[in-house]
Protein backbone atom coordinates (compact mmCIF):
# COMPACT_ATOMS: atom_id res chain seq x y z
CA MET A 1 18.73 -0.84 14.25
CA GLN A 2 15.76 -1.52 16.48
CA ILE A 3 12.48 -2.61 14.88
CA ASN A 4 9.34 -1.63 16.76
CA ASN A 5 5.68 -0.91 16.01
CA LYS A 6 6.59 2.50 14.55
CA THR A 7 9.25 1.20 12.18
CA LYS A 8 8.24 1.55 8.53
CA ILE A 9 8.20 -1.89 6.90
CA LEU A 10 7.70 -2.37 3.17
CA VAL A 11 5.87 -5.57 2.15
CA THR A 12 6.39 -6.80 -1.41
CA GLY A 13 3.80 -8.88 -3.26
CA SER A 14 0.71 -7.18 -1.84
CA ASP A 15 -1.56 -9.10 -4.24
CA GLY A 16 -0.36 -12.48 -2.97
CA ARG A 17 -2.30 -14.81 -0.69
CA PHE A 18 -0.27 -14.21 2.46
CA ALA A 19 0.10 -10.46 2.00
CA LYS A 20 -3.68 -10.08 1.71
CA ILE A 21 -4.15 -11.88 5.04
CA LEU A 22 -1.34 -9.84 6.59
CA LYS A 23 -3.08 -6.65 5.48
CA GLN A 24 -6.38 -7.81 7.02
CA LYS A 25 -5.09 -9.24 10.30
CA ASN A 26 -2.09 -7.07 11.23
CA THR A 27 -2.68 -4.83 14.23
CA THR A 28 0.89 -4.27 15.39
CA LEU A 29 3.38 -3.56 12.63
CA ASN A 30 3.66 -0.35 10.59
CA LEU A 31 3.33 -1.93 7.14
CA PHE A 32 3.36 -0.41 3.66
CA PHE A 33 2.21 -2.80 0.93
CA VAL A 34 3.40 -2.59 -2.68
CA ASN A 35 2.23 -4.60 -5.69
CA LYS A 36 4.08 -5.43 -8.90
CA LYS A 37 3.23 -2.10 -10.51
CA GLN A 38 4.46 -0.13 -7.50
CA CYS A 39 7.56 -2.27 -6.97
CA ASN A 40 8.65 -4.55 -9.80
CA ILE A 41 11.26 -6.83 -8.23
CA LEU A 42 12.83 -7.47 -11.64
CA SER A 43 13.74 -3.79 -11.88
CA ILE A 44 16.33 -2.25 -9.56
CA ARG A 45 15.04 1.14 -10.63
CA SER A 46 11.48 0.26 -9.59
CA ILE A 47 12.62 -1.11 -6.23
CA ASN A 48 14.67 2.01 -5.57
CA ALA A 49 11.68 4.21 -6.40
CA ALA A 50 9.54 2.37 -3.84
CA ILE A 51 12.30 2.67 -1.24
CA LYS A 52 12.70 6.39 -1.92
CA LYS A 53 8.96 6.98 -1.59
CA ILE A 54 8.29 4.92 1.56
CA LYS A 55 11.70 5.12 3.28
CA PRO A 56 11.33 1.79 5.11
CA LYS A 57 13.77 0.47 7.70
CA ALA A 58 12.81 -3.14 6.88
CA ILE A 59 11.40 -5.18 4.00
CA ILE A 60 9.22 -8.27 4.27
CA HIS A 61 9.79 -9.92 0.92
CA CYS A 62 6.70 -11.97 0.02
CA ALA A 63 6.67 -11.39 -3.73
CA GLY A 64 7.45 -14.41 -5.87
CA LEU A 65 5.99 -17.43 -7.64
CA SER A 66 4.44 -20.36 -5.81
CA ARG A 67 1.29 -22.12 -7.07
CA PRO A 68 0.44 -23.85 -9.29
CA MET A 69 3.45 -25.93 -8.30
CA ASP A 70 3.97 -27.39 -11.78
CA ILE A 71 4.59 -23.91 -13.19
CA HIS A 72 8.14 -24.22 -11.85
CA GLU A 73 8.67 -27.28 -14.06
CA LYS A 74 6.89 -25.89 -17.13
CA ASP A 75 8.30 -22.36 -17.07
CA ILE A 76 11.68 -22.32 -15.37
CA ASN A 77 12.41 -18.83 -16.73
CA LYS A 78 9.51 -17.37 -14.78
CA SER A 79 10.50 -19.32 -11.66
CA ILE A 80 14.12 -18.17 -11.90
CA ASP A 81 13.14 -14.55 -12.59
CA LEU A 82 10.64 -14.12 -9.77
CA ASN A 83 12.13 -16.29 -7.03
CA ILE A 84 15.87 -15.98 -7.65
CA ILE A 85 16.66 -12.85 -9.65
CA GLY A 86 13.89 -10.79 -8.03
CA THR A 87 15.06 -11.78 -4.56
CA ALA A 88 18.68 -11.01 -5.47
CA ASN A 89 17.58 -7.53 -6.60
CA ILE A 90 15.72 -6.93 -3.33
CA THR A 91 18.84 -8.04 -1.44
CA LYS A 92 21.10 -5.69 -3.39
CA VAL A 93 18.87 -2.69 -2.69
CA SER A 94 18.50 -3.66 0.98
CA LYS A 95 22.29 -3.81 1.34
CA ILE A 96 22.85 -0.45 -0.32
CA ASN A 97 20.26 1.23 1.91
CA ASN A 98 21.05 -0.72 5.10
CA ILE A 99 17.49 -2.06 5.29
CA LYS A 100 16.64 -5.17 7.33
CA LEU A 101 15.44 -7.91 4.97
CA ILE A 102 12.98 -10.63 5.99
CA TYR A 103 12.68 -13.27 3.26
CA PHE A 104 9.80 -15.73 3.00
CA SER A 105 11.29 -19.07 1.98
CA THR A 106 9.79 -22.57 2.27
CA SER A 107 10.16 -25.90 4.03
CA TYR A 108 10.59 -27.36 0.54
CA VAL A 109 14.29 -26.51 0.66
CA TYR A 110 14.72 -29.67 2.76
CA GLU A 111 14.85 -33.15 1.21
CA GLY A 112 11.58 -34.17 2.88
CA THR A 113 12.47 -37.81 3.58
CA LYS A 114 13.64 -38.15 7.19
CA GLY A 115 11.74 -35.25 8.77
CA ASN A 116 12.49 -33.17 11.88
CA TYR A 117 14.85 -30.96 9.87
CA LYS A 118 16.78 -28.34 11.82
CA GLU A 119 17.94 -25.04 10.40
CA ILE A 120 21.54 -26.30 10.41
CA ASP A 121 20.73 -29.48 8.43
CA PRO A 122 21.81 -29.79 4.79
CA VAL A 123 19.29 -28.63 2.22
CA LYS A 124 18.27 -30.62 -0.85
CA PRO A 125 15.07 -29.37 -2.51
CA PHE A 126 12.88 -32.08 -4.03
CA ASN A 127 11.31 -29.92 -6.75
CA ASN A 128 11.96 -26.81 -8.79
CA TYR A 129 9.91 -24.62 -6.46
CA GLY A 130 12.21 -25.53 -3.58
CA LEU A 131 15.25 -24.96 -5.78
CA SER A 132 14.00 -21.52 -6.79
CA LYS A 133 13.39 -20.49 -3.17
CA LEU A 134 16.79 -21.84 -2.16
CA GLY A 135 18.30 -19.71 -4.92
CA GLY A 136 16.68 -16.72 -3.25
CA GLU A 137 18.06 -17.84 0.10
CA CYS A 138 21.59 -17.87 -1.32
CA ALA A 139 21.36 -14.19 -2.18
CA VAL A 140 19.73 -13.20 1.12
CA SER A 141 22.28 -15.22 3.15
CA MET A 142 25.08 -13.08 1.72
CA TYR A 143 23.56 -10.05 3.48
CA GLU A 144 24.15 -10.11 7.23
CA ASN A 145 21.20 -7.86 8.13
CA SER A 146 18.65 -10.46 7.06
CA LEU A 147 16.25 -13.11 8.28
CA ILE A 148 15.14 -16.18 6.32
CA LEU A 149 11.88 -17.83 7.33
CA ARG A 150 11.45 -21.41 6.06
CA ILE A 151 7.70 -21.65 6.17
CA SER A 152 5.12 -24.43 5.97
CA MET A 153 1.72 -22.75 5.68
CA THR A 154 -1.58 -22.89 3.83
CA GLU A 155 -4.90 -21.08 3.48
CA LYS A 156 -7.74 -21.20 5.97
CA PRO A 157 -10.07 -22.98 5.55
CA PHE A 158 -8.06 -25.94 4.26
CA TYR A 159 -8.02 -25.59 0.47
CA TYR A 160 -8.65 -29.23 -0.51
CA ASN A 161 -11.43 -31.80 0.05
CA GLN A 162 -8.89 -34.59 0.52
CA ALA A 163 -5.70 -34.85 2.58
CA PHE A 164 -2.80 -37.29 2.78
CA THR A 165 -2.66 -39.58 5.80
CA ASN A 166 0.94 -40.64 5.14
CA LEU A 167 2.54 -37.26 4.40
CA LYS A 168 3.89 -35.46 7.45
CA SER A 169 4.40 -31.70 7.62
CA ASN A 170 4.17 -28.65 9.90
CA PHE A 171 1.28 -26.81 8.30
CA LEU A 172 -0.05 -23.69 9.94
CA PHE A 173 -2.43 -21.08 8.56
CA HIS A 174 -1.43 -17.74 7.08
CA GLU A 175 -3.06 -15.86 9.93
CA ASP A 176 -1.04 -17.84 12.48
CA LEU A 177 2.14 -16.43 10.97
CA VAL A 178 0.70 -12.92 11.00
CA PHE A 179 0.50 -13.06 14.80
CA MET A 180 4.03 -14.50 15.07
CA LEU A 181 5.71 -11.86 12.89
CA PRO A 182 6.15 -9.10 15.52
CA LYS A 183 8.32 -11.48 17.58
CA LEU A 184 10.25 -12.76 14.57
CA ILE A 185 11.26 -9.71 12.56
CA LYS A 186 13.90 -8.60 15.05
CA LYS A 187 15.82 -11.86 14.57
CA LYS A 188 18.54 -12.70 12.05
CA GLY A 189 19.66 -15.91 10.38
CA ILE A 190 17.29 -18.76 9.52
CA ILE A 191 14.19 -19.92 11.42
CA ASN A 192 11.88 -22.85 10.63
CA ILE A 193 8.26 -21.68 10.76
CA GLY A 194 5.46 -24.18 11.22
CA GLY A 195 3.00 -25.81 13.57
CA LYS A 196 2.90 -29.22 15.17
CA ALA A 197 4.46 -32.01 13.08
CA ARG A 198 1.62 -34.31 11.93
CA SER A 199 0.02 -35.78 8.85
CA VAL A 200 -1.70 -33.40 6.47
CA TYR A 201 -4.93 -35.27 7.17
CA GLU A 202 -4.61 -34.75 10.93
CA PHE A 203 -4.07 -31.04 10.36
CA ALA A 204 -6.95 -30.70 7.91
CA LYS A 205 -9.38 -32.84 9.91
CA LYS A 206 -9.06 -30.56 12.92
CA TYR A 207 -10.54 -27.69 10.93
CA ASN A 208 -12.72 -29.55 8.40
CA SER A 209 -14.54 -32.65 9.59
CA LYS A 210 -15.57 -33.51 6.02
CA VAL A 211 -12.08 -33.82 4.57
CA GLU A 212 -11.44 -37.28 3.09
CA LYS A 213 -8.42 -39.53 3.63
CA ILE A 214 -6.13 -40.31 0.73
CA ILE A 215 -2.74 -42.05 0.47
CA ALA A 216 0.16 -40.26 -1.20
CA PRO A 217 1.89 -42.48 -3.77
CA LYS A 218 5.61 -43.14 -3.62
CA ASN A 219 7.08 -40.34 -5.69
CA PRO A 220 10.48 -38.60 -5.33
CA LYS A 221 8.70 -35.33 -6.18
CA LEU A 222 6.47 -35.79 -3.12
CA PRO A 223 8.59 -37.06 -0.19
CA LEU A 224 6.55 -38.22 2.77
CA ASN A 225 8.26 -36.69 5.81
CA GLN A 226 8.58 -32.97 5.22
CA SER A 227 8.40 -32.09 8.92
CA MET A 228 10.78 -29.55 10.44
CA ASN A 229 12.11 -29.06 13.93
CA VAL A 230 10.47 -25.84 15.17
CA GLY A 231 12.20 -25.74 18.54
CA ASN A 232 13.87 -22.38 17.84
CA LEU A 233 10.53 -20.87 16.82
CA ASN A 234 8.84 -22.10 19.98
CA LYS A 235 11.59 -20.56 22.14
CA ILE A 236 11.14 -17.20 20.41
CA LEU A 237 7.36 -17.25 20.79
CA LYS A 238 7.55 -18.11 24.49
CA VAL A 239 9.90 -15.18 25.07
């Protein structure tokens, strides 16, 4: 199946931060956004109803639970339901209907200690959020007509007044990914998605001259080199 600018693509989680930016900035893809009421990912029946109504050839699965990050420690039921079971349901329906599935995962599936992680490297999430997204990946990986994007992104402008000088990542902004998507959605497998590997402070300072430096404490729940190798992404974007 070829995906082009006329292909109907259903986007779950339309009330989420990224989906709102995608709705504002997209100029290329033929997107149909659904919220929880229109497509409850915990209900196969609800998902099927949305599929029957829209008849998409692809799904961009953004729905799930992210921030506040400690919610995944305090309420594991909610984390499991929305990020693992909900994603498994989307995968089941995609398989039955032969729909291409693009799943938004996270760089947090990596251990975050040595950095420069490649897609083929072992995964070892350092918190429950990463574990929940990896659980979703397990379901999606069972379906061959799928693409998993391991993403490191944040809001623009930078959300915080302070930024770590000793924590390295690949942050990019939501809108940066919007412009990448048309070149990505035709792919399959797993792709690391991020910008230049640098400290969070270096990233934030470029866009907010008033951001203050802070040092991240040594904490296994906050490893200091979360950077990924984005060589495969850069090859795709150049093509």
